[in-house]
Amino acid sequence: DIELVASKSDKAEGQEVMNFKIGC
């Protein structure tokens, strides 16, 4: 299985991004 473990909104170089971690 591959699953989303965590996610949170963040900023990288002034851009809105989604920081994520997946577990395989």
PDB file of all heavy atoms in Angstrom:
ATOM      1  N   ASP A   1       0.843  -1.195   0.000  1.00  0.00           N
ATOM      2  CA  ASP A   1       0.000   0.000   0.000  1.00  0.00           C
ATOM      3  C   ASP A   1       0.876   1.242   0.000  1.00  0.00           C
ATOM      4  O   ASP A   1       2.039   1.194   0.418  1.00  0.00           O
ATOM      5  CB  ASP A   1      -0.909   0.025   1.228  1.00  0.00           C
ATOM      6  CG  ASP A   1      -2.045   1.032   1.122  1.00  0.00           C
ATOM      7  OD1 ASP A   1      -2.314   1.515  -0.004  1.00  0.00           O
ATOM      8  OD2 ASP A   1      -2.667   1.335   2.147  1.00  0.00           O
ATOM      9  N   ILE A   2       0.314   2.324  -0.492  1.00  0.00           N
ATOM     10  CA  ILE A   2       0.941   3.642  -0.419  1.00  0.00           C
ATOM     11  C   ILE A   2      -0.119   4.570   0.135  1.00  0.00           C
ATOM     12  O   ILE A   2      -1.235   4.620  -0.383  1.00  0.00           O
ATOM     13  CB  ILE A   2       1.426   4.134  -1.796  1.00  0.00           C
ATOM     14  CG1 ILE A   2       2.471   3.161  -2.360  1.00  0.00           C
ATOM     15  CG2 ILE A   2       1.995   5.537  -1.685  1.00  0.00           C
ATOM     16  CD1 ILE A   2       2.940   3.501  -3.760  1.00  0.00           C
ATOM     17  N   GLU A   3       0.230   5.290   1.216  1.00  0.00           N
ATOM     18  CA  GLU A   3      -0.766   6.108   1.897  1.00  0.00           C
ATOM     19  C   GLU A   3      -0.200   7.467   2.267  1.00  0.00           C
ATOM     20  O   GLU A   3       0.997   7.608   2.498  1.00  0.00           O
ATOM     21  CB  GLU A   3      -1.241   5.382   3.161  1.00  0.00           C
ATOM     22  CG  GLU A   3      -0.102   5.104   4.132  1.00  0.00           C
ATOM     23  CD  GLU A   3      -0.439   4.122   5.232  1.00  0.00           C
ATOM     24  OE1 GLU A   3      -1.523   3.513   5.199  1.00  0.00           O
ATOM     25  OE2 GLU A   3       0.397   3.964   6.131  1.00  0.00           O
ATOM     26  N   LEU A   4      -1.089   8.449   2.343  1.00  0.00           N
ATOM     27  CA  LEU A   4      -0.712   9.773   2.830  1.00  0.00           C
ATOM     28  C   LEU A   4      -0.599   9.687   4.342  1.00  0.00           C
ATOM     29  O   LEU A   4      -1.541   9.306   5.031  1.00  0.00           O
ATOM     30  CB  LEU A   4      -1.768  10.806   2.424  1.00  0.00           C
ATOM     31  CG  LEU A   4      -1.504  12.246   2.858  1.00  0.00           C
ATOM     32  CD1 LEU A   4      -0.228  12.790   2.235  1.00  0.00           C
ATOM     33  CD2 LEU A   4      -2.690  13.122   2.479  1.00  0.00           C
ATOM     34  N   VAL A   5       0.569  10.031   4.886  1.00  0.00           N
ATOM     35  CA  VAL A   5       0.822   9.950   6.321  1.00  0.00           C
ATOM     36  C   VAL A   5       0.565  11.297   6.987  1.00  0.00           C
ATOM     37  O   VAL A   5       0.008  11.360   8.078  1.00  0.00           O
ATOM     38  CB  VAL A   5       2.268   9.475   6.598  1.00  0.00           C
ATOM     39  CG1 VAL A   5       2.605   9.514   8.074  1.00  0.00           C
ATOM     40  CG2 VAL A   5       2.491   8.084   6.020  1.00  0.00           C
ATOM     41  N   ALA A   6       0.981  12.380   6.321  1.00  0.00           N
ATOM     42  CA  ALA A   6       0.811  13.716   6.892  1.00  0.00           C
ATOM     43  C   ALA A   6       0.823  14.756   5.773  1.00  0.00           C
ATOM     44  O   ALA A   6       1.424  14.537   4.726  1.00  0.00           O
ATOM     45  CB  ALA A   6       1.931  14.013   7.887  1.00  0.00           C
ATOM     46  N   SER A   7       0.148  15.879   6.032  1.00  0.00           N
ATOM     47  CA  SER A   7       0.181  17.002   5.093  1.00  0.00           C
ATOM     48  C   SER A   7      -0.112  18.289   5.848  1.00  0.00           C
ATOM     49  O   SER A   7      -0.828  18.273   6.848  1.00  0.00           O
ATOM     50  CB  SER A   7      -0.837  16.806   3.969  1.00  0.00           C
ATOM     51  OG  SER A   7      -2.152  16.834   4.477  1.00  0.00           O
ATOM     52  N   LYS A   8       0.478  19.365   5.378  1.00  0.00           N
ATOM     53  CA  LYS A   8       0.190  20.675   5.966  1.00  0.00           C
ATOM     54  C   LYS A   8       0.531  21.756   4.953  1.00  0.00           C
ATOM     55  O   LYS A   8       1.438  21.599   4.132  1.00  0.00           O
ATOM     56  CB  LYS A   8       0.955  20.896   7.266  1.00  0.00           C
ATOM     57  CG  LYS A   8       2.444  21.074   7.116  1.00  0.00           C
ATOM     58  CD  LYS A   8       3.093  21.401   8.439  1.00  0.00           C
ATOM     59  CE  LYS A   8       4.582  21.687   8.195  1.00  0.00           C
ATOM     60  NZ  LYS A   8       5.243  22.261   9.335  1.00  0.00           N
ATOM     61  N   SER A   9      -0.210  22.851   5.016  1.00  0.00           N
ATOM     62  CA  SER A   9       0.072  23.995   4.156  1.00  0.00           C
ATOM     63  C   SER A   9       1.346  24.655   4.625  1.00  0.00           C
ATOM     64  O   SER A   9       1.646  24.691   5.820  1.00  0.00           O
ATOM     65  CB  SER A   9      -1.081  24.997   4.203  1.00  0.00           C
ATOM     66  OG  SER A   9      -2.232  24.425   3.641  1.00  0.00           O
ATOM     67  N   ASP A  10       2.118  25.170   3.683  1.00  0.00           N
ATOM     68  CA  ASP A  10       3.412  25.759   3.991  1.00  0.00           C
ATOM     69  C   ASP A  10       3.732  26.803   2.918  1.00  0.00           C
ATOM     70  O   ASP A  10       2.960  26.981   1.984  1.00  0.00           O
ATOM     71  CB  ASP A  10       4.474  24.648   3.999  1.00  0.00           C
ATOM     72  CG  ASP A  10       5.657  24.940   4.888  1.00  0.00           C
ATOM     73  OD1 ASP A  10       5.823  26.105   5.312  1.00  0.00           O
ATOM     74  OD2 ASP A  10       6.434  24.002   5.150  1.00  0.00           O
ATOM     75  N   LYS A  11       4.851  27.467   3.076  1.00  0.00           N
ATOM     76  CA  LYS A  11       5.346  28.402   2.061  1.00  0.00           C
ATOM     77  C   LYS A  11       6.768  28.031   1.717  1.00  0.00           C
ATOM     78  O   LYS A  11       7.553  27.681   2.586  1.00  0.00           O
ATOM     79  CB  LYS A  11       5.301  29.837   2.570  1.00  0.00           C
ATOM     80  CG  LYS A  11       3.930  30.438   2.546  1.00  0.00           C
ATOM     81  CD  LYS A  11       4.007  31.940   2.654  1.00  0.00           C
ATOM     82  CE  LYS A  11       2.585  32.472   2.518  1.00  0.00           C
ATOM     83  NZ  LYS A  11       2.566  33.858   2.178  1.00  0.00           N
ATOM     84  N   ALA A  12       7.088  28.082   0.439  1.00  0.00           N
ATOM     85  CA  ALA A  12       8.440  27.845  -0.045  1.00  0.00           C
ATOM     86  C   ALA A  12       8.755  28.934  -1.059  1.00  0.00           C
ATOM     87  O   ALA A  12       8.061  29.058  -2.067  1.00  0.00           O
ATOM     88  CB  ALA A  12       8.563  26.468  -0.673  1.00  0.00           C
ATOM     89  N   GLU A  13       9.761  29.728  -0.751  1.00  0.00           N
ATOM     90  CA  GLU A  13      10.151  30.847  -1.612  1.00  0.00           C
ATOM     91  C   GLU A  13       8.959  31.731  -1.963  1.00  0.00           C
ATOM     92  O   GLU A  13       8.779  32.135  -3.109  1.00  0.00           O
ATOM     93  CB  GLU A  13      10.865  30.327  -2.858  1.00  0.00           C
ATOM     94  CG  GLU A  13      12.155  29.609  -2.541  1.00  0.00           C
ATOM     95  CD  GLU A  13      12.949  29.211  -3.756  1.00  0.00           C
ATOM     96  OE1 GLU A  13      12.778  29.830  -4.821  1.00  0.00           O
ATOM     97  OE2 GLU A  13      13.743  28.277  -3.633  1.00  0.00           O
ATOM     98  N   GLY A  14       8.128  32.004  -0.959  1.00  0.00           N
ATOM     99  CA  GLY A  14       6.982  32.892  -1.132  1.00  0.00           C
ATOM    100  C   GLY A  14       5.771  32.274  -1.804  1.00  0.00           C
ATOM    101  O   GLY A  14       4.759  32.939  -1.995  1.00  0.00           O
ATOM    102  N   GLN A  15       5.835  30.991  -2.158  1.00  0.00           N
ATOM    103  CA  GLN A  15       4.723  30.311  -2.833  1.00  0.00           C
ATOM    104  C   GLN A  15       3.973  29.435  -1.832  1.00  0.00           C
ATOM    105  O   GLN A  15       4.579  28.799  -0.974  1.00  0.00           O
ATOM    106  CB  GLN A  15       5.251  29.406  -3.961  1.00  0.00           C
ATOM    107  CG  GLN A  15       5.985  30.123  -5.049  1.00  0.00           C
ATOM    108  CD  GLN A  15       5.039  30.815  -6.014  1.00  0.00           C
ATOM    109  OE1 GLN A  15       3.828  30.591  -6.001  1.00  0.00           O
ATOM    110  NE2 GLN A  15       5.583  31.671  -6.849  1.00  0.00           N
ATOM    111  N   GLU A  16       2.644  29.394  -1.955  1.00  0.00           N
ATOM    112  CA  GLU A  16       1.827  28.479  -1.151  1.00  0.00           C
ATOM    113  C   GLU A  16       2.060  27.065  -1.660  1.00  0.00           C
ATOM    114  O   GLU A  16       1.944  26.793  -2.857  1.00  0.00           O
ATOM    115  CB  GLU A  16       0.341  28.825  -1.275  1.00  0.00           C
ATOM    116  CG  GLU A  16      -0.035  30.154  -0.655  1.00  0.00           C
ATOM    117  CD  GLU A  16      -0.006  30.116   0.863  1.00  0.00           C
ATOM    118  OE1 GLU A  16      -0.324  29.068   1.447  1.00  0.00           O
ATOM    119  OE2 GLU A  16       0.344  31.144   1.456  1.00  0.00           O
ATOM    120  N   VAL A  17       2.411  26.148  -0.753  1.00  0.00           N
ATOM    121  CA  VAL A  17       2.656  24.752  -1.113  1.00  0.00           C
ATOM    122  C   VAL A  17       2.017  23.835  -0.071  1.00  0.00           C
ATOM    123  O   VAL A  17       1.643  24.268   1.008  1.00  0.00           O
ATOM    124  CB  VAL A  17       4.175  24.447  -1.221  1.00  0.00           C
ATOM    125  CG1 VAL A  17       4.817  25.228  -2.346  1.00  0.00           C
ATOM    126  CG2 VAL A  17       4.880  24.698   0.092  1.00  0.00           C
ATOM    127  N   MET A  18       1.929  22.583  -0.421  1.00  0.00           N
ATOM    128  CA  MET A  18       1.476  21.545   0.500  1.00  0.00           C
ATOM    129  C   MET A  18       2.684  20.677   0.815  1.00  0.00           C
ATOM    130  O   MET A  18       3.249  20.047  -0.078  1.00  0.00           O
ATOM    131  CB  MET A  18       0.366  20.695  -0.140  1.00  0.00           C
ATOM    132  CG  MET A  18      -0.141  19.562   0.714  1.00  0.00           C
ATOM    133  SD  MET A  18      -0.995  20.059   2.203  1.00  0.00           S
ATOM    134  CE  MET A  18      -2.388  20.935   1.533  1.00  0.00           C
ATOM    135  N   ASN A  19       3.098  20.671   2.066  1.00  0.00           N
ATOM    136  CA  ASN A  19       4.182  19.805   2.530  1.00  0.00           C
ATOM    137  C   ASN A  19       3.541  18.461   2.862  1.00  0.00           C
ATOM    138  O   ASN A  19       2.564  18.415   3.595  1.00  0.00           O
ATOM    139  CB  ASN A  19       4.824  20.442   3.767  1.00  0.00           C
ATOM    140  CG  ASN A  19       6.041  19.721   4.257  1.00  0.00           C
ATOM    141  OD1 ASN A  19       6.269  18.570   3.934  1.00  0.00           O
ATOM    142  ND2 ASN A  19       6.822  20.398   5.066  1.00  0.00           N
ATOM    143  N   PHE A  20       4.065  17.363   2.320  1.00  0.00           N
ATOM    144  CA  PHE A  20       3.425  16.070   2.536  1.00  0.00           C
ATOM    145  C   PHE A  20       4.445  14.986   2.850  1.00  0.00           C
ATOM    146  O   PHE A  20       5.635  15.112   2.558  1.00  0.00           O
ATOM    147  CB  PHE A  20       2.591  15.651   1.323  1.00  0.00           C
ATOM    148  CG  PHE A  20       3.403  15.353   0.082  1.00  0.00           C
ATOM    149  CD1 PHE A  20       3.890  14.075  -0.146  1.00  0.00           C
ATOM    150  CD2 PHE A  20       3.672  16.340  -0.843  1.00  0.00           C
ATOM    151  CE1 PHE A  20       4.626  13.793  -1.278  1.00  0.00           C
ATOM    152  CE2 PHE A  20       4.414  16.067  -1.980  1.00  0.00           C
ATOM    153  CZ  PHE A  20       4.887  14.784  -2.203  1.00  0.00           C
ATOM    154  N   LYS A  21       3.939  13.908   3.463  1.00  0.00           N
ATOM    155  CA  LYS A  21       4.726  12.700   3.707  1.00  0.00           C
ATOM    156  C   LYS A  21       3.840  11.530   3.330  1.00  0.00           C
ATOM    157  O   LYS A  21       2.683  11.457   3.752  1.00  0.00           O
ATOM    158  CB  LYS A  21       5.120  12.589   5.172  1.00  0.00           C
ATOM    159  CG  LYS A  21       5.926  11.322   5.488  1.00  0.00           C
ATOM    160  CD  LYS A  21       6.226  11.173   6.967  1.00  0.00           C
ATOM    161  CE  LYS A  21       7.219  12.218   7.390  1.00  0.00           C
ATOM    162  NZ  LYS A  21       7.705  11.982   8.773  1.00  0.00           N
ATOM    163  N   ILE A  22       4.360  10.651   2.506  1.00  0.00           N
ATOM    164  CA  ILE A  22       3.634   9.425   2.175  1.00  0.00           C
ATOM    165  C   ILE A  22       4.444   8.229   2.674  1.00  0.00           C
ATOM    166  O   ILE A  22       5.657   8.277   2.767  1.00  0.00           O
ATOM    167  CB  ILE A  22       3.313   9.297   0.666  1.00  0.00           C
ATOM    168  CG1 ILE A  22       4.570   9.303  -0.184  1.00  0.00           C
ATOM    169  CG2 ILE A  22       2.369  10.386   0.225  1.00  0.00           C
ATOM    170  CD1 ILE A  22       4.295   9.074  -1.661  1.00  0.00           C
ATOM    171  N   GLY A  23       3.721   7.174   3.002  1.00  0.00           N
ATOM    172  CA  GLY A  23       4.335   5.935   3.461  1.00  0.00           C
ATOM    173  C   GLY A  23       4.037   4.817   2.491  1.00  0.00           C
ATOM    174  O   GLY A  23       2.887   4.593   2.146  1.00  0.00           O
ATOM    175  N   CYS A  24       5.092   4.148   2.051  1.00  0.00           N
ATOM    176  CA  CYS A  24       4.953   3.014   1.149  1.00  0.00           C
ATOM    177  C   CYS A  24       5.242   1.763   1.964  1.00  0.00           C
ATOM    178  O   CYS A  24       6.378   1.526   2.385  1.00  0.00           O
ATOM    179  CB  CYS A  24       5.952   3.124  -0.004  1.00  0.00           C
ATOM    180  SG  CYS A  24       5.863   4.688  -0.910  1.00  0.00           S
TER     181      CYS A  24
END
